[in-house]
């Protein structure tokens, strides 16, 4: 199966590939016939598409709202329809669907990493693009599959792209969790002391997903959720990754056990958790702290004047001399 991204398809004039449905509504055409208007999204963008009555597949029936965020295979031609309400120069592409069906597990498995992750949902497109490149640059097939299994979960991917990393401190804004996670992965990637490429990639994955449990810690308004008040996000990280870790156990048991240890080992001065047994455990913790401290400092000075050298964020005080 030939798969093209939305960006490629618009340029080529014909769409064919794997996408997520991120918008769906039934409308009435001028001839009185109902048709389906949908928005298809992937890691490169999104595009409007229509399914005319005569092309509606028999295995894709109402209620259409249940199709939101499902992964589909779709194909169709790129058209530019005129409208009396729009300037012809502002016409946007519309896909006239020839075929649409649910994507198979095998198709999603063989597709490029995170290809159906909707770029649309992420407030910071540059950070989103870095997430995609980080996943695709992994050379370990088990680790790449693991990242995709975790981040493609229906209850995870949108919140991971949009949630804050905290309520009052570092990266406490929509998309902050993703930004912090990618920063941690990038810091880890720039260290050159690893014994092997596999050890380096294990540390990168551990850093990228170390706070994935926070997708349950905050509600849609950025406030602490009941889950966040009652449970530690590290416990939620293990629960969110449980199925993917189970599959990683089969692929490479040592990789799975190392990730479990990295995400639950104690940090310096903590009362709970087992001491870190791996150097990369310290690497992930240190990279996390570096990203958090820069985030805290940026937040502290966000409203400070250009000549101000000292700023506070809660009980934290930061100084800038340069």
Protein backbone atom coordinates (compact mmCIF):
# COMPACT_ATOMS: atom_id res chain seq x y z
CA UNK A 1 0.00 0.00 0.00
CA UNK A 2 1.38 3.39 -1.01
CA UNK A 3 1.06 5.86 1.85
CA UNK A 4 1.34 9.61 1.45
CA UNK A 5 1.11 12.33 4.07
CA UNK A 6 -1.50 15.05 3.78
CA UNK A 7 1.18 17.57 2.80
CA UNK A 8 2.44 15.26 0.05
CA UNK A 9 -1.09 14.48 -1.13
CA UNK A 10 -2.09 18.12 -1.53
CA UNK A 11 1.04 18.73 -3.56
CA UNK A 12 0.49 15.61 -5.74
CA UNK A 13 -3.26 16.08 -6.27
CA UNK A 14 -4.34 12.70 -4.88
CA UNK A 15 -4.59 11.48 -1.28
CA UNK A 16 -3.92 7.92 -0.20
CA UNK A 17 -2.73 6.86 3.23
CA UNK A 18 -3.42 6.59 6.95
CA UNK A 19 -5.02 9.46 8.84
CA UNK A 20 -7.09 10.31 11.92
CA UNK A 21 -10.59 11.72 11.70
CA UNK A 22 -10.51 14.90 13.80
CA UNK A 23 -13.83 16.38 12.69
CA UNK A 24 -17.05 14.90 11.32
CA UNK A 25 -20.52 16.26 10.57
CA UNK A 26 -23.44 15.25 8.35
CA UNK A 27 -24.63 18.04 6.02
CA UNK A 28 -27.33 18.47 3.40
CA UNK A 29 -26.31 19.12 -0.21
CA UNK A 30 -28.16 21.50 -2.54
CA UNK A 31 -30.04 18.55 -4.03
CA UNK A 32 -31.36 17.61 -0.59
CA UNK A 33 -29.12 14.56 -0.21
CA UNK A 34 -27.07 14.14 2.99
CA UNK A 35 -23.31 13.91 2.74
CA UNK A 36 -20.51 13.58 5.27
CA UNK A 37 -17.98 16.35 5.86
CA UNK A 38 -14.84 15.25 7.70
CA UNK A 39 -11.43 16.57 8.65
CA UNK A 40 -8.49 14.24 8.13
CA UNK A 41 -5.29 14.85 10.11
CA UNK A 42 -1.80 13.41 10.35
CA UNK A 43 1.65 14.45 11.52
CA UNK A 44 2.01 16.97 8.65
CA UNK A 45 -1.32 18.80 8.86
CA UNK A 46 -5.02 18.43 8.15
CA UNK A 47 -7.43 18.72 5.24
CA UNK A 48 -11.17 18.92 4.68
CA UNK A 49 -12.80 15.96 2.92
CA UNK A 50 -16.29 15.02 1.76
CA UNK A 51 -18.00 11.69 1.28
CA UNK A 52 -20.82 11.99 -1.27
CA UNK A 53 -23.89 9.75 -0.73
CA UNK A 54 -23.07 7.40 -3.61
CA UNK A 55 -19.57 6.81 -2.20
CA UNK A 56 -20.44 6.24 1.45
CA UNK A 57 -18.94 2.85 2.37
CA UNK A 58 -21.33 0.25 3.70
CA UNK A 59 -19.08 -0.53 6.68
CA UNK A 60 -18.83 3.07 7.92
CA UNK A 61 -22.27 4.00 9.20
CA UNK A 62 -23.75 6.48 11.73
CA UNK A 63 -23.35 7.55 14.47
CA UNK A 64 -20.48 9.37 12.77
CA UNK A 65 -19.45 11.20 15.94
CA UNK A 66 -18.13 7.87 17.23
CA UNK A 67 -15.56 8.04 14.45
CA UNK A 68 -13.70 10.96 16.05
CA UNK A 69 -9.97 10.31 16.40
CA UNK A 70 -10.20 6.88 14.78
CA UNK A 71 -7.43 5.87 12.38
CA UNK A 72 -8.58 5.25 8.82
CA UNK A 73 -7.21 4.44 5.43
CA UNK A 74 -8.55 6.96 2.94
CA UNK A 75 -8.02 7.83 -0.69
CA UNK A 76 -9.46 10.51 -2.93
CA UNK A 77 -8.76 13.34 -5.33
CA UNK A 78 -7.76 16.85 -4.31
CA UNK A 79 -10.26 19.48 -5.47
CA UNK A 80 -10.56 23.25 -5.16
CA UNK A 81 -14.25 24.18 -5.12
CA UNK A 82 -15.40 27.73 -5.74
CA UNK A 83 -17.68 29.46 -3.27
CA UNK A 84 -19.59 32.71 -3.49
CA UNK A 85 -18.44 33.51 0.06
CA UNK A 86 -14.73 33.20 -0.63
CA UNK A 87 -12.12 34.92 -2.71
CA UNK A 88 -10.95 32.48 -5.43
CA UNK A 89 -7.37 33.14 -4.34
CA UNK A 90 -8.24 31.82 -0.87
CA UNK A 91 -9.63 28.47 -2.00
CA UNK A 92 -8.53 25.58 0.18
CA UNK A 93 -8.13 21.97 -0.92
CA UNK A 94 -10.97 19.51 -0.36
CA UNK A 95 -10.58 15.76 -0.73
CA UNK A 96 -13.40 13.97 -2.54
CA UNK A 97 -13.24 10.54 -0.94
CA UNK A 98 -13.08 7.47 -3.16
CA UNK A 99 -12.47 4.97 -0.37
CA UNK A 100 -12.45 5.12 3.42
CA UNK A 101 -12.24 2.34 5.99
CA UNK A 102 -10.75 1.59 9.39
CA UNK A 103 -6.98 1.17 9.28
CA UNK A 104 -5.71 -2.28 10.15
CA UNK A 105 -3.20 -2.98 12.92
CA UNK A 106 -0.73 -4.23 10.33
CA UNK A 107 -1.02 -1.02 8.28
CA UNK A 108 -0.44 1.14 11.35
CA UNK A 109 2.50 -1.06 12.40
CA UNK A 110 4.22 -0.68 9.03
CA UNK A 111 3.61 3.07 8.69
CA UNK A 112 6.27 5.66 9.66
CA UNK A 113 6.38 6.29 13.41
CA UNK A 114 3.53 8.47 14.72
CA UNK A 115 2.28 9.22 11.20
CA UNK A 116 -1.36 9.52 12.37
CA UNK A 117 -0.57 11.77 15.33
CA UNK A 118 -2.55 14.97 14.59
CA UNK A 119 -0.30 17.99 14.25
CA UNK A 120 -3.54 19.96 14.52
CA UNK A 121 -3.83 19.29 18.26
CA UNK A 122 -0.41 20.62 19.28
CA UNK A 123 -0.07 24.32 20.26
CA UNK A 124 3.67 24.35 19.47
CA UNK A 125 4.29 23.00 15.96
CA UNK A 126 8.09 23.18 16.21
CA UNK A 127 8.09 21.01 19.33
CA UNK A 128 5.63 18.62 17.66
CA UNK A 129 7.95 18.23 14.68
CA UNK A 130 10.83 17.49 17.07
CA UNK A 131 8.73 14.78 18.73
CA UNK A 132 8.10 13.13 15.36
CA UNK A 133 11.77 13.27 14.38
CA UNK A 134 12.85 11.91 17.79
CA UNK A 135 10.57 8.88 17.39
CA UNK A 136 11.58 8.24 13.79
CA UNK A 137 15.31 8.50 14.50
CA UNK A 138 15.14 5.59 16.95
CA UNK A 139 17.01 2.68 15.40
CA UNK A 140 15.81 0.03 17.86
CA UNK A 141 12.60 -1.54 16.42
CA UNK A 142 11.31 -2.62 19.88
CA UNK A 143 11.77 0.88 21.34
CA UNK A 144 10.25 2.58 18.31
CA UNK A 145 7.21 0.27 18.47
CA UNK A 146 6.96 0.93 22.20
CA UNK A 147 6.85 4.71 21.78
CA UNK A 148 4.20 4.40 19.06
CA UNK A 149 2.06 2.03 21.15
CA UNK A 150 2.11 4.42 24.09
CA UNK A 151 1.51 7.68 22.22
CA UNK A 152 -1.10 6.36 19.79
CA UNK A 153 -3.51 5.39 22.59
CA UNK A 154 -6.86 7.15 22.23
CA UNK A 155 -6.86 8.42 25.82
CA UNK A 156 -3.26 9.61 25.68
CA UNK A 157 -2.15 11.33 22.47
CA UNK A 158 -4.33 14.45 22.55
CA UNK A 159 -3.68 15.15 26.23
CA UNK A 160 0.07 14.58 25.77
CA UNK A 161 0.11 17.21 23.03
CA UNK A 162 -1.97 19.76 24.95
CA UNK A 163 -1.50 19.29 28.72
CA UNK A 164 0.74 21.48 30.91
CA UNK A 165 3.69 19.98 32.78
CA UNK A 166 2.66 21.70 36.02
CA UNK A 167 0.03 24.09 37.34
CA UNK A 168 2.23 26.91 38.66
CA UNK A 169 5.85 26.15 37.89
CA UNK A 170 7.81 25.00 34.83
CA UNK A 171 6.02 24.61 31.48
CA UNK A 172 2.66 25.44 33.06
CA UNK A 173 0.83 26.22 29.81
CA UNK A 174 -0.96 24.24 27.08
CA UNK A 175 1.57 22.04 25.34
CA UNK A 176 4.04 22.42 28.20
CA UNK A 177 4.13 18.69 28.96
CA UNK A 178 5.19 17.87 25.41
CA UNK A 179 7.75 20.70 25.38
CA UNK A 180 9.29 19.54 28.67
CA UNK A 181 9.33 15.90 27.54
CA UNK A 182 11.02 16.71 24.22
CA UNK A 183 13.55 18.96 25.99
CA UNK A 184 14.48 16.11 28.32
CA UNK A 185 14.91 13.73 25.37
CA UNK A 186 17.06 16.27 23.51
CA UNK A 187 19.32 16.85 26.53
CA UNK A 188 19.80 13.09 26.86
CA UNK A 189 20.50 12.78 23.14
CA UNK A 190 23.38 15.29 23.36
CA UNK A 191 25.35 13.26 25.92
CA UNK A 192 28.22 11.22 24.43
CA UNK A 193 29.15 8.86 27.28
CA UNK A 194 26.84 5.95 26.49
CA UNK A 195 28.30 2.46 26.12
CA UNK A 196 26.12 1.61 23.12
CA UNK A 197 23.51 3.11 20.77
CA UNK A 198 20.90 0.90 22.43
CA UNK A 199 21.69 2.34 25.87
CA UNK A 200 21.40 5.87 24.47
CA UNK A 201 18.02 5.18 22.85
CA UNK A 202 16.74 3.54 26.03
CA UNK A 203 17.62 6.72 27.93
CA UNK A 204 15.94 8.88 25.27
CA UNK A 205 12.71 6.87 25.47
CA UNK A 206 12.84 6.92 29.26
CA UNK A 207 13.18 10.71 29.18
CA UNK A 208 10.57 11.28 26.50
CA UNK A 209 7.89 9.36 28.39
CA UNK A 210 8.99 9.97 31.99
CA UNK A 211 6.03 12.28 32.68
CA UNK A 212 3.40 10.61 30.47
CA UNK A 213 1.37 9.94 33.63
CA UNK A 214 0.65 13.67 33.82
CA UNK A 215 -1.89 13.33 31.01
CA UNK A 216 -4.19 12.23 33.84
CA UNK A 217 -2.96 14.78 36.39
CA UNK A 218 -4.61 17.86 34.87
CA UNK A 219 -8.07 18.60 33.51
CA UNK A 220 -8.91 20.39 30.26
CA UNK A 221 -8.55 23.76 32.03
CA UNK A 222 -4.99 23.12 33.24
CA UNK A 223 -6.02 22.59 36.88
CA UNK A 224 -5.09 19.57 38.97
CA UNK A 225 -7.55 16.73 38.39
CA UNK A 226 -8.85 14.39 41.08
CA UNK A 227 -6.46 11.77 39.75
CA UNK A 228 -3.56 14.20 40.11
CA UNK A 229 -4.54 14.96 43.70
CA UNK A 230 -4.87 11.31 44.74
CA UNK A 231 -2.07 9.49 42.92
CA UNK A 232 1.53 10.17 41.95
CA UNK A 233 2.04 10.65 38.23
CA UNK A 234 4.85 8.06 38.23
CA UNK A 235 2.29 5.39 39.13
CA UNK A 236 0.09 6.62 36.30
CA UNK A 237 3.04 6.40 33.91
CA UNK A 238 3.32 2.67 34.59
CA UNK A 239 -0.42 2.19 34.16
CA UNK A 240 -0.56 4.12 30.88
CA UNK A 241 2.42 2.18 29.54
CA UNK A 242 1.24 -1.18 30.91
CA UNK A 243 0.08 -2.78 27.65
CA UNK A 244 3.05 -1.43 25.71
CA UNK A 245 5.43 -2.65 28.44
CA UNK A 246 3.82 -6.09 28.31
CA UNK A 247 4.52 -6.26 24.57
CA UNK A 248 8.03 -4.90 25.11
CA UNK A 249 8.57 -7.74 27.60
CA UNK A 250 8.11 -10.12 24.68
CA UNK A 251 10.34 -8.08 22.36
CA UNK A 252 13.13 -7.45 24.84
CA UNK A 253 12.55 -8.10 28.55
CA UNK A 254 15.63 -6.16 29.67
CA UNK A 255 14.47 -2.99 27.92
CA UNK A 256 11.08 -3.17 29.63
CA UNK A 257 12.54 -3.75 33.08
CA UNK A 258 15.01 -0.89 32.67
CA UNK A 259 12.21 1.54 31.77
CA UNK A 260 10.15 0.41 34.77
CA UNK A 261 13.16 1.05 37.02
CA UNK A 262 13.96 4.46 35.51
CA UNK A 263 10.39 5.66 36.07
CA UNK A 264 10.08 4.41 39.66
CA UNK A 265 13.57 4.67 41.19
CA UNK A 266 14.13 7.20 43.95
CA UNK A 267 15.47 10.67 43.35
CA UNK A 268 18.11 12.20 45.68
CA UNK A 269 16.57 12.99 49.06
CA UNK A 270 13.30 11.12 48.43
CA UNK A 271 11.79 8.85 51.08
CA UNK A 272 10.49 6.21 48.71
CA UNK A 273 11.68 4.19 45.72
CA UNK A 274 14.65 1.94 45.12
CA UNK A 275 18.07 3.52 44.53
CA UNK A 276 18.97 4.03 40.89
CA UNK A 277 20.87 1.02 39.51
CA UNK A 278 21.70 2.42 36.07
CA UNK A 279 23.75 5.42 35.03
CA UNK A 280 21.02 6.29 32.52
CA UNK A 281 18.58 6.50 35.42
CA UNK A 282 20.67 9.39 36.74
CA UNK A 283 20.87 10.82 33.21
CA UNK A 284 17.07 10.93 32.88
CA UNK A 285 16.65 12.47 36.34
CA UNK A 286 19.32 15.09 35.65
CA UNK A 287 17.90 16.00 32.25
CA UNK A 288 14.47 16.33 33.85
CA UNK A 289 15.90 18.69 36.46
CA UNK A 290 17.75 20.79 33.86
CA UNK A 291 14.62 21.28 31.76
CA UNK A 292 12.53 22.05 34.83
CA UNK A 293 15.00 24.60 36.22
CA UNK A 294 15.25 26.50 32.94
CA UNK A 295 11.47 26.38 32.71
CA UNK A 296 11.13 27.72 36.25
CA UNK A 297 13.60 30.52 35.57
CA UNK A 298 11.81 31.49 32.36
CA UNK A 299 8.50 31.55 34.21
CA UNK A 300 9.98 33.64 37.03
CA UNK A 301 11.31 36.27 34.62
CA UNK A 302 8.32 36.19 32.26
CA UNK A 303 6.84 39.38 33.72
CA UNK A 304 10.11 40.95 34.91
CA UNK A 305 11.58 44.09 33.41
CA UNK A 306 14.63 43.84 31.14
CA UNK A 307 16.84 45.39 33.83
CA UNK A 308 15.63 43.11 36.65
CA UNK A 309 18.24 40.64 37.92
CA UNK A 310 16.20 38.79 40.55
CA UNK A 311 12.80 37.15 40.17
CA UNK A 312 10.70 34.73 42.21
CA UNK A 313 8.42 31.85 41.30
CA UNK A 314 6.60 30.73 44.41
CA UNK A 315 9.34 29.88 46.92
CA UNK A 316 12.01 29.75 44.21
CA UNK A 317 14.33 32.68 43.52
CA UNK A 318 16.40 33.06 40.37
CA UNK A 319 19.14 35.45 39.35
CA UNK A 320 20.20 36.55 35.88
CA UNK A 321 23.45 38.45 35.39
CA UNK A 322 23.79 38.06 31.61
